[in-house]
Amino acid sequence: ALPEKKMVFKGLVANKDHMNKLMLTPLIRYPLLGGSALITFEKAEVAQRIIEVKEHVVELSYGEELEELEQCRVRVQAAPVDVLLPSALEIGVTRSSRSILVSDLPNLAIPEEALLDKLELFFSKTKNGGGEVESREFLDDSGQVVLTFAEDGVAEPLIARGHIQVLIGKGAYELKISPCVSGDITNLQFQPSRCPRTVLLSGIPDVLGEEPMRDALEIHFQKASRGGGEVDALAYVPAGRHGVAVFTEDAD
């Protein structure tokens, strides 16, 4: 399931052959159940060795928490982490006839609503080339504003100008006016992909506190004598809880 997401695409096209191509950077949210952990090694071959063994016996000895037992061993299962990555994306794009995208906004120490009020006041005046503003929206991800006019014929002349000087408070600022383009996903295809350096550990019993258990797991799996190696990251979720791990594209 894909959540609704407002996006603004901007940039320069250097080659006309690339005009219909869009680069995707995946951001995968992976649910993590209680009694499990994700461990990412610096080297993919280490993760592969851990997965091949499947079951690991981890020794726990952590101060006063296990004072009645000199040593405790737990068995955990190791499995690969498989995710779905987008392999093809098609977007149907439409250009609004009544909306404009306002960018290059100044970084002023005023609330967003106050800035929207000032923009609406300016662009609602016919002497500034505007008209009645039907709606306004601040795009948090990009720091830009979408203004929608109540009538046709207002947006296009402003877009043709490209830039306009707007009085905000005591200052005059050159703002950029661009077409407002919206799109809907018409086709989205996925392909399975395996995280090369990350291992899912499951079946971890709730016998230690969260931090001691995390330390014990990292100590065990970083030892080369047990098939491990240098640990890059480790996330542990105790039994009775759940978490979400976020995977980004590996630069390597």
C-alpha atoms as a PDB file:
ATOM      1  CA  ALA A   1       0.000   0.000   0.000  1.00  0.00           C
ATOM      2  CA  LEU A   2       1.392   3.376  -1.000  1.00  0.00           C
ATOM      3  CA  PRO A   3       0.499   6.397   1.138  1.00  0.00           C
ATOM      4  CA  GLU A   4      -0.570   9.558  -0.638  1.00  0.00           C
ATOM      5  CA  LYS A   5       2.454  11.761  -1.114  1.00  0.00           C
ATOM      6  CA  LYS A   6       2.738  15.262  -2.593  1.00  0.00           C
ATOM      7  CA  MET A   7       5.950  15.729  -4.564  1.00  0.00           C
ATOM      8  CA  VAL A   8       7.588  18.525  -6.497  1.00  0.00           C
ATOM      9  CA  PHE A   9       9.939  17.588  -9.347  1.00  0.00           C
ATOM     10  CA  LYS A  10      12.441  20.227 -10.346  1.00  0.00           C
ATOM     11  CA  GLY A  11      15.730  20.361 -12.219  1.00  0.00           C
ATOM     12  CA  LEU A  12      17.294  20.775 -15.650  1.00  0.00           C
ATOM     13  CA  VAL A  13      17.031  18.364 -18.570  1.00  0.00           C
ATOM     14  CA  ALA A  14      20.398  17.974 -20.262  1.00  0.00           C
ATOM     15  CA  ASN A  15      19.392  15.400 -22.843  1.00  0.00           C
ATOM     16  CA  LYS A  16      15.994  15.211 -24.537  1.00  0.00           C
ATOM     17  CA  ASP A  17      16.278  11.407 -24.574  1.00  0.00           C
ATOM     18  CA  HIS A  18      16.056  11.447 -20.776  1.00  0.00           C
ATOM     19  CA  MET A  19      12.987  13.659 -20.515  1.00  0.00           C
ATOM     20  CA  ASN A  20      10.608  10.780 -19.771  1.00  0.00           C
ATOM     21  CA  LYS A  21      12.847   9.108 -17.195  1.00  0.00           C
ATOM     22  CA  LEU A  22      12.561   9.477 -13.438  1.00  0.00           C
ATOM     23  CA  MET A  23      15.111   8.265 -10.905  1.00  0.00           C
ATOM     24  CA  LEU A  24      13.657   6.565  -7.821  1.00  0.00           C
ATOM     25  CA  THR A  25      15.357   6.407  -4.437  1.00  0.00           C
ATOM     26  CA  PRO A  26      13.615   3.682  -2.422  1.00  0.00           C
ATOM     27  CA  LEU A  27      12.806   4.201   1.253  1.00  0.00           C
ATOM     28  CA  ILE A  28      11.579   0.875   2.625  1.00  0.00           C
ATOM     29  CA  ARG A  29       9.803   0.524   5.984  1.00  0.00           C
ATOM     30  CA  TYR A  30      10.253  -2.999   7.294  1.00  0.00           C
ATOM     31  CA  PRO A  31       8.070  -4.196  10.231  1.00  0.00           C
ATOM     32  CA  LEU A  32      10.050  -5.754  13.056  1.00  0.00           C
ATOM     33  CA  LEU A  33       8.195  -8.035  15.479  1.00  0.00           C
ATOM     34  CA  GLY A  34       9.011  -8.447  19.161  1.00  0.00           C
ATOM     35  CA  GLY A  35      11.787 -10.870  20.003  1.00  0.00           C
ATOM     36  CA  SER A  36      13.732 -10.103  16.838  1.00  0.00           C
ATOM     37  CA  ALA A  37      16.626  -7.985  15.667  1.00  0.00           C
ATOM     38  CA  LEU A  38      18.146  -6.684  12.470  1.00  0.00           C
ATOM     39  CA  ILE A  39      21.911  -6.761  12.270  1.00  0.00           C
ATOM     40  CA  THR A  40      23.830  -5.118   9.426  1.00  0.00           C
ATOM     41  CA  PHE A  41      27.446  -6.098   8.826  1.00  0.00           C
ATOM     42  CA  GLU A  42      30.076  -4.062   7.059  1.00  0.00           C
ATOM     43  CA  LYS A  43      30.696  -6.920   4.620  1.00  0.00           C
ATOM     44  CA  ALA A  44      28.067  -8.890   2.703  1.00  0.00           C
ATOM     45  CA  GLU A  45      30.020 -12.154   2.936  1.00  0.00           C
ATOM     46  CA  VAL A  46      29.718 -12.072   6.735  1.00  0.00           C
ATOM     47  CA  ALA A  47      25.933 -11.767   6.517  1.00  0.00           C
ATOM     48  CA  GLN A  48      25.836 -14.683   4.098  1.00  0.00           C
ATOM     49  CA  ARG A  49      27.830 -16.892   6.485  1.00  0.00           C
ATOM     50  CA  ILE A  50      25.483 -16.073   9.371  1.00  0.00           C
ATOM     51  CA  ILE A  51      22.411 -16.882   7.245  1.00  0.00           C
ATOM     52  CA  GLU A  52      23.865 -20.197   6.069  1.00  0.00           C
ATOM     53  CA  VAL A  53      24.325 -21.419   9.672  1.00  0.00           C
ATOM     54  CA  LYS A  54      20.628 -20.619  10.345  1.00  0.00           C
ATOM     55  CA  GLU A  55      20.677 -21.248  14.120  1.00  0.00           C
ATOM     56  CA  HIS A  56      23.111 -19.601  16.518  1.00  0.00           C
ATOM     57  CA  VAL A  57      23.762 -20.148  20.214  1.00  0.00           C
ATOM     58  CA  VAL A  58      24.413 -16.804  21.908  1.00  0.00           C
ATOM     59  CA  GLU A  59      26.040 -16.719  25.337  1.00  0.00           C
ATOM     60  CA  LEU A  60      24.615 -14.204  27.795  1.00  0.00           C
ATOM     61  CA  SER A  61      26.561 -13.063  30.837  1.00  0.00           C
ATOM     62  CA  TYR A  62      25.711  -9.580  31.960  1.00  0.00           C
ATOM     63  CA  GLY A  63      26.443  -8.581  35.541  1.00  0.00           C
ATOM     64  CA  GLU A  64      23.728  -8.615  38.166  1.00  0.00           C
ATOM     65  CA  GLU A  65      20.836  -9.269  35.779  1.00  0.00           C
ATOM     66  CA  LEU A  66      21.865 -12.919  35.560  1.00  0.00           C
ATOM     67  CA  GLU A  67      23.482 -13.243  38.991  1.00  0.00           C
ATOM     68  CA  GLU A  68      21.754 -16.577  39.647  1.00  0.00           C
ATOM     69  CA  LEU A  69      23.198 -18.037  36.457  1.00  0.00           C
ATOM     70  CA  GLU A  70      26.883 -17.822  35.755  1.00  0.00           C
ATOM     71  CA  GLN A  71      26.157 -18.239  32.091  1.00  0.00           C
ATOM     72  CA  CYS A  72      22.996 -18.432  29.993  1.00  0.00           C
ATOM     73  CA  ARG A  73      22.712 -19.542  26.387  1.00  0.00           C
ATOM     74  CA  VAL A  74      19.876 -18.716  23.998  1.00  0.00           C
ATOM     75  CA  ARG A  75      19.204 -20.003  20.507  1.00  0.00           C
ATOM     76  CA  VAL A  76      18.300 -17.512  17.794  1.00  0.00           C
ATOM     77  CA  GLN A  77      17.446 -18.073  14.149  1.00  0.00           C
ATOM     78  CA  ALA A  78      19.089 -16.158  11.303  1.00  0.00           C
ATOM     79  CA  ALA A  79      17.283 -15.457   8.035  1.00  0.00           C
ATOM     80  CA  PRO A  80      17.758 -13.148   5.033  1.00  0.00           C
ATOM     81  CA  VAL A  81      15.864  -9.880   4.725  1.00  0.00           C
ATOM     82  CA  ASP A  82      13.800  -9.759   1.527  1.00  0.00           C
ATOM     83  CA  VAL A  83      12.016  -6.573   0.457  1.00  0.00           C
ATOM     84  CA  LEU A  84      10.080  -5.407  -2.587  1.00  0.00           C
ATOM     85  CA  LEU A  85      11.652  -2.606  -4.605  1.00  0.00           C
ATOM     86  CA  PRO A  86       9.935  -0.624  -7.383  1.00  0.00           C
ATOM     87  CA  SER A  87      11.184  -1.735 -10.782  1.00  0.00           C
ATOM     88  CA  ALA A  88       8.916   0.327 -13.043  1.00  0.00           C
ATOM     89  CA  LEU A  89       6.835   3.430 -12.484  1.00  0.00           C
ATOM     90  CA  GLU A  90       4.471   5.296 -14.779  1.00  0.00           C
ATOM     91  CA  ILE A  91       2.884   8.584 -13.768  1.00  0.00           C
ATOM     92  CA  GLY A  92       0.048  10.349 -15.548  1.00  0.00           C
ATOM     93  CA  VAL A  93       0.803  14.065 -15.362  1.00  0.00           C
ATOM     94  CA  THR A  94      -1.664  16.944 -15.672  1.00  0.00           C
ATOM     95  CA  ARG A  95      -0.999  20.659 -15.562  1.00  0.00           C
ATOM     96  CA  SER A  96      -3.432  22.801 -13.602  1.00  0.00           C
ATOM     97  CA  SER A  97      -4.980  25.732 -15.469  1.00  0.00           C
ATOM     98  CA  ARG A  98      -5.747  27.683 -12.296  1.00  0.00           C
ATOM     99  CA  SER A  99      -2.771  26.984 -10.018  1.00  0.00           C
ATOM    100  CA  ILE A 100       0.772  28.314  -9.757  1.00  0.00           C
ATOM    101  CA  LEU A 101       3.803  27.086  -7.855  1.00  0.00           C
ATOM    102  CA  VAL A 102       5.577  29.823  -5.899  1.00  0.00           C
ATOM    103  CA  SER A 103       9.211  29.121  -4.965  1.00  0.00           C
ATOM    104  CA  ASP A 104      12.390  30.927  -3.851  1.00  0.00           C
ATOM    105  CA  LEU A 105      10.490  32.017  -0.753  1.00  0.00           C
ATOM    106  CA  PRO A 106      12.497  34.030   1.794  1.00  0.00           C
ATOM    107  CA  ASN A 107      13.422  32.407   5.086  1.00  0.00           C
ATOM    108  CA  LEU A 108      11.539  34.731   7.411  1.00  0.00           C
ATOM    109  CA  ALA A 109      10.934  34.271  11.127  1.00  0.00           C
ATOM    110  CA  ILE A 110       7.144  34.245  10.724  1.00  0.00           C
ATOM    111  CA  PRO A 111       4.568  31.428  10.961  1.00  0.00           C
ATOM    112  CA  GLU A 112       3.614  29.595   7.760  1.00  0.00           C
ATOM    113  CA  GLU A 113       0.024  30.834   7.983  1.00  0.00           C
ATOM    114  CA  ALA A 114       1.226  34.435   8.175  1.00  0.00           C
ATOM    115  CA  LEU A 115       3.355  33.908   5.057  1.00  0.00           C
ATOM    116  CA  LEU A 116       0.401  32.344   3.239  1.00  0.00           C
ATOM    117  CA  ASP A 117      -1.780  35.309   4.199  1.00  0.00           C
ATOM    118  CA  LYS A 118       0.763  37.749   2.751  1.00  0.00           C
ATOM    119  CA  LEU A 119       1.053  35.770  -0.492  1.00  0.00           C
ATOM    120  CA  GLU A 120      -2.718  35.513  -0.840  1.00  0.00           C
ATOM    121  CA  LEU A 121      -3.100  39.245  -0.216  1.00  0.00           C
ATOM    122  CA  PHE A 122      -0.508  40.048  -2.893  1.00  0.00           C
ATOM    123  CA  PHE A 123      -1.728  37.635  -5.564  1.00  0.00           C
ATOM    124  CA  SER A 124      -5.396  38.462  -5.044  1.00  0.00           C
ATOM    125  CA  LYS A 125      -4.857  41.993  -6.376  1.00  0.00           C
ATOM    126  CA  THR A 126      -5.456  42.526 -10.088  1.00  0.00           C
ATOM    127  CA  LYS A 127      -2.818  45.280 -10.212  1.00  0.00           C
ATOM    128  CA  ASN A 128      -0.238  42.604  -9.385  1.00  0.00           C
ATOM    129  CA  GLY A 129      -1.532  40.387 -12.173  1.00  0.00           C
ATOM    130  CA  GLY A 130      -3.489  38.167  -9.791  1.00  0.00           C
ATOM    131  CA  GLY A 131      -7.101  37.433  -8.947  1.00  0.00           C
ATOM    132  CA  GLU A 132      -9.260  35.898  -6.261  1.00  0.00           C
ATOM    133  CA  VAL A 133      -7.347  33.094  -4.522  1.00  0.00           C
ATOM    134  CA  GLU A 134      -9.483  30.010  -3.976  1.00  0.00           C
ATOM    135  CA  SER A 135      -6.958  28.003  -1.948  1.00  0.00           C
ATOM    136  CA  ARG A 136      -3.353  28.045  -0.824  1.00  0.00           C
ATOM    137  CA  GLU A 137      -1.117  25.221   0.363  1.00  0.00           C
ATOM    138  CA  PHE A 138       2.374  25.116   1.828  1.00  0.00           C
ATOM    139  CA  LEU A 139       4.399  22.125   0.597  1.00  0.00           C
ATOM    140  CA  ASP A 140       6.474  21.172   3.626  1.00  0.00           C
ATOM    141  CA  ASP A 141       8.864  18.903   1.727  1.00  0.00           C
ATOM    142  CA  SER A 142       9.984  21.608  -0.666  1.00  0.00           C
ATOM    143  CA  GLY A 143       9.290  24.909   1.079  1.00  0.00           C
ATOM    144  CA  GLN A 144       7.098  25.996  -1.842  1.00  0.00           C
ATOM    145  CA  VAL A 145       3.525  27.218  -2.038  1.00  0.00           C
ATOM    146  CA  VAL A 146       0.678  26.268  -4.379  1.00  0.00           C
ATOM    147  CA  LEU A 147      -1.858  29.020  -5.033  1.00  0.00           C
ATOM    148  CA  THR A 148      -5.104  28.177  -6.825  1.00  0.00           C
ATOM    149  CA  PHE A 149      -7.196  30.977  -8.334  1.00  0.00           C
ATOM    150  CA  ALA A 150     -10.977  30.992  -8.541  1.00  0.00           C
ATOM    151  CA  GLU A 151     -11.023  31.788 -12.277  1.00  0.00           C
ATOM    152  CA  ASP A 152      -9.239  30.667 -15.420  1.00  0.00           C
ATOM    153  CA  GLY A 153      -6.863  33.025 -17.191  1.00  0.00           C
ATOM    154  CA  VAL A 154      -5.046  34.268 -14.092  1.00  0.00           C
ATOM    155  CA  ALA A 155      -2.343  31.624 -13.676  1.00  0.00           C
ATOM    156  CA  GLU A 156      -0.954  31.524 -17.240  1.00  0.00           C
ATOM    157  CA  PRO A 157       0.178  35.189 -17.460  1.00  0.00           C
ATOM    158  CA  LEU A 158       1.910  34.872 -14.086  1.00  0.00           C
ATOM    159  CA  ILE A 159       3.661  31.684 -15.206  1.00  0.00           C
ATOM    160  CA  ALA A 160       4.750  33.398 -18.422  1.00  0.00           C
ATOM    161  CA  ARG A 161       6.421  36.127 -16.380  1.00  0.00           C
ATOM    162  CA  GLY A 162       8.488  33.531 -14.539  1.00  0.00           C
ATOM    163  CA  HIS A 163       9.437  35.825 -11.675  1.00  0.00           C
ATOM    164  CA  ILE A 164       7.665  38.505  -9.712  1.00  0.00           C
ATOM    165  CA  GLN A 165       8.717  40.891  -6.964  1.00  0.00           C
ATOM    166  CA  VAL A 166       6.569  40.546  -3.862  1.00  0.00           C
ATOM    167  CA  LEU A 167       6.435  42.841  -0.838  1.00  0.00           C
ATOM    168  CA  ILE A 168       6.509  40.814   2.381  1.00  0.00           C
ATOM    169  CA  GLY A 169       6.718  42.881   5.507  1.00  0.00           C
ATOM    170  CA  LYS A 170       9.381  45.526   5.023  1.00  0.00           C
ATOM    171  CA  GLY A 171      11.244  43.696   2.290  1.00  0.00           C
ATOM    172  CA  ALA A 172      10.815  43.058  -1.429  1.00  0.00           C
ATOM    173  CA  TYR A 173      11.648  39.546  -2.632  1.00  0.00           C
ATOM    174  CA  GLU A 174      11.999  38.064  -6.109  1.00  0.00           C
ATOM    175  CA  LEU A 175       9.837  34.938  -6.202  1.00  0.00           C
ATOM    176  CA  LYS A 176       9.743  32.318  -8.927  1.00  0.00           C
ATOM    177  CA  ILE A 177       6.411  31.382 -10.569  1.00  0.00           C
ATOM    178  CA  SER A 178       6.139  27.939 -12.158  1.00  0.00           C
ATOM    179  CA  PRO A 179       3.346  25.749 -13.521  1.00  0.00           C
ATOM    180  CA  CYS A 180       1.662  23.497 -10.990  1.00  0.00           C
ATOM    181  CA  VAL A 181       1.841  19.901 -12.202  1.00  0.00           C
ATOM    182  CA  SER A 182       0.092  17.017 -10.466  1.00  0.00           C
ATOM    183  CA  GLY A 183       0.386  13.346 -11.199  1.00  0.00           C
ATOM    184  CA  ASP A 184      -1.202  10.011 -10.420  1.00  0.00           C
ATOM    185  CA  ILE A 185       0.572   6.663 -10.474  1.00  0.00           C
ATOM    186  CA  THR A 186      -0.870   4.708 -13.407  1.00  0.00           C
ATOM    187  CA  ASN A 187       1.451   1.706 -13.200  1.00  0.00           C
ATOM    188  CA  LEU A 188       3.811   0.508 -10.497  1.00  0.00           C
ATOM    189  CA  GLN A 189       5.727  -2.768 -10.629  1.00  0.00           C
ATOM    190  CA  PHE A 190       7.901  -4.366  -7.954  1.00  0.00           C
ATOM    191  CA  GLN A 191      10.674  -6.914  -7.898  1.00  0.00           C
ATOM    192  CA  PRO A 192      11.975  -8.858  -4.878  1.00  0.00           C
ATOM    193  CA  SER A 193      15.378  -7.850  -3.596  1.00  0.00           C
ATOM    194  CA  ARG A 194      17.554  -9.242  -0.805  1.00  0.00           C
ATOM    195  CA  CYS A 195      19.482  -6.964   1.537  1.00  0.00           C
ATOM    196  CA  PRO A 196      23.067  -8.158   1.065  1.00  0.00           C
ATOM    197  CA  ARG A 197      24.522  -7.042   4.423  1.00  0.00           C
ATOM    198  CA  THR A 198      21.539  -7.372   6.780  1.00  0.00           C
ATOM    199  CA  VAL A 199      20.332 -10.433   8.708  1.00  0.00           C
ATOM    200  CA  LEU A 200      17.050 -10.964  10.564  1.00  0.00           C
ATOM    201  CA  LEU A 201      17.473 -12.613  13.973  1.00  0.00           C
ATOM    202  CA  SER A 202      14.322 -14.085  15.488  1.00  0.00           C
ATOM    203  CA  GLY A 203      13.278 -16.180  18.491  1.00  0.00           C
ATOM    204  CA  ILE A 204      15.142 -13.946  20.965  1.00  0.00           C
ATOM    205  CA  PRO A 205      13.744 -14.649  24.471  1.00  0.00           C
ATOM    206  CA  ASP A 206      12.956 -11.843  26.896  1.00  0.00           C
ATOM    207  CA  VAL A 207      15.634 -12.706  29.482  1.00  0.00           C
ATOM    208  CA  LEU A 208      17.688  -9.497  29.439  1.00  0.00           C
ATOM    209  CA  GLY A 209      17.018  -5.786  29.332  1.00  0.00           C
ATOM    210  CA  GLU A 210      16.956  -4.134  25.935  1.00  0.00           C
ATOM    211  CA  GLU A 211      20.424  -2.578  26.075  1.00  0.00           C
ATOM    212  CA  PRO A 212      22.217  -5.625  27.597  1.00  0.00           C
ATOM    213  CA  MET A 213      20.609  -7.920  25.013  1.00  0.00           C
ATOM    214  CA  ARG A 214      21.631  -5.610  22.184  1.00  0.00           C
ATOM    215  CA  ASP A 215      25.198  -5.570  23.499  1.00  0.00           C
ATOM    216  CA  ALA A 216      25.267  -9.357  23.889  1.00  0.00           C
ATOM    217  CA  LEU A 217      24.070  -9.903  20.316  1.00  0.00           C
ATOM    218  CA  GLU A 218      26.595  -7.471  18.901  1.00  0.00           C
ATOM    219  CA  ILE A 219      29.460  -8.998  20.899  1.00  0.00           C
ATOM    220  CA  HIS A 220      28.550 -12.485  19.684  1.00  0.00           C
ATOM    221  CA  PHE A 221      28.114 -11.685  15.992  1.00  0.00           C
ATOM    222  CA  GLN A 222      31.173  -9.494  15.620  1.00  0.00           C
ATOM    223  CA  LYS A 223      33.554 -12.322  16.586  1.00  0.00           C
ATOM    224  CA  ALA A 224      35.257 -13.892  13.586  1.00  0.00           C
ATOM    225  CA  SER A 225      35.641 -17.192  15.484  1.00  0.00           C
ATOM    226  CA  ARG A 226      31.848 -17.554  15.333  1.00  0.00           C
ATOM    227  CA  GLY A 227      31.608 -16.643  11.660  1.00  0.00           C
ATOM    228  CA  GLY A 228      30.824 -13.013  12.392  1.00  0.00           C
ATOM    229  CA  GLY A 229      32.469  -9.745  11.516  1.00  0.00           C
ATOM    230  CA  GLU A 230      32.373  -6.017  12.043  1.00  0.00           C
ATOM    231  CA  VAL A 231      28.826  -4.855  12.827  1.00  0.00           C
ATOM    232  CA  ASP A 232      27.641  -1.680  11.122  1.00  0.00           C
ATOM    233  CA  ALA A 233      24.245  -1.390  12.874  1.00  0.00           C
ATOM    234  CA  LEU A 234      21.970  -3.445  15.123  1.00  0.00           C
ATOM    235  CA  ALA A 235      18.312  -2.851  16.008  1.00  0.00           C
ATOM    236  CA  TYR A 236      16.621  -5.028  18.636  1.00  0.00           C
ATOM    237  CA  VAL A 237      12.921  -5.147  19.551  1.00  0.00           C
ATOM    238  CA  PRO A 238      12.075  -6.955  22.823  1.00  0.00           C
ATOM    239  CA  ALA A 239       9.187  -9.416  23.065  1.00  0.00           C
ATOM    240  CA  GLY A 240       5.788  -7.763  23.474  1.00  0.00           C
ATOM    241  CA  ARG A 241       6.775  -4.740  21.388  1.00  0.00           C
ATOM    242  CA  HIS A 242       7.130  -3.990  17.689  1.00  0.00           C
ATOM    243  CA  GLY A 243       9.183  -1.619  15.592  1.00  0.00           C
ATOM    244  CA  VAL A 244       9.776  -0.398  12.057  1.00  0.00           C
ATOM    245  CA  ALA A 245      13.194  -0.426  10.390  1.00  0.00           C
ATOM    246  CA  VAL A 246      13.877   1.982   7.540  1.00  0.00           C
ATOM    247  CA  PHE A 247      16.084   0.853   4.656  1.00  0.00           C
ATOM    248  CA  THR A 248      17.639   3.302   2.210  1.00  0.00           C
ATOM    249  CA  GLU A 249      19.659   2.716  -0.931  1.00  0.00           C
ATOM    250  CA  ASP A 250      23.143   1.330  -0.237  1.00  0.00           C
ATOM    251  CA  ALA A 251      25.727   3.672  -1.729  1.00  0.00           C
ATOM    252  CA  ASP A 252      28.127   0.755  -2.033  1.00  0.00           C
END
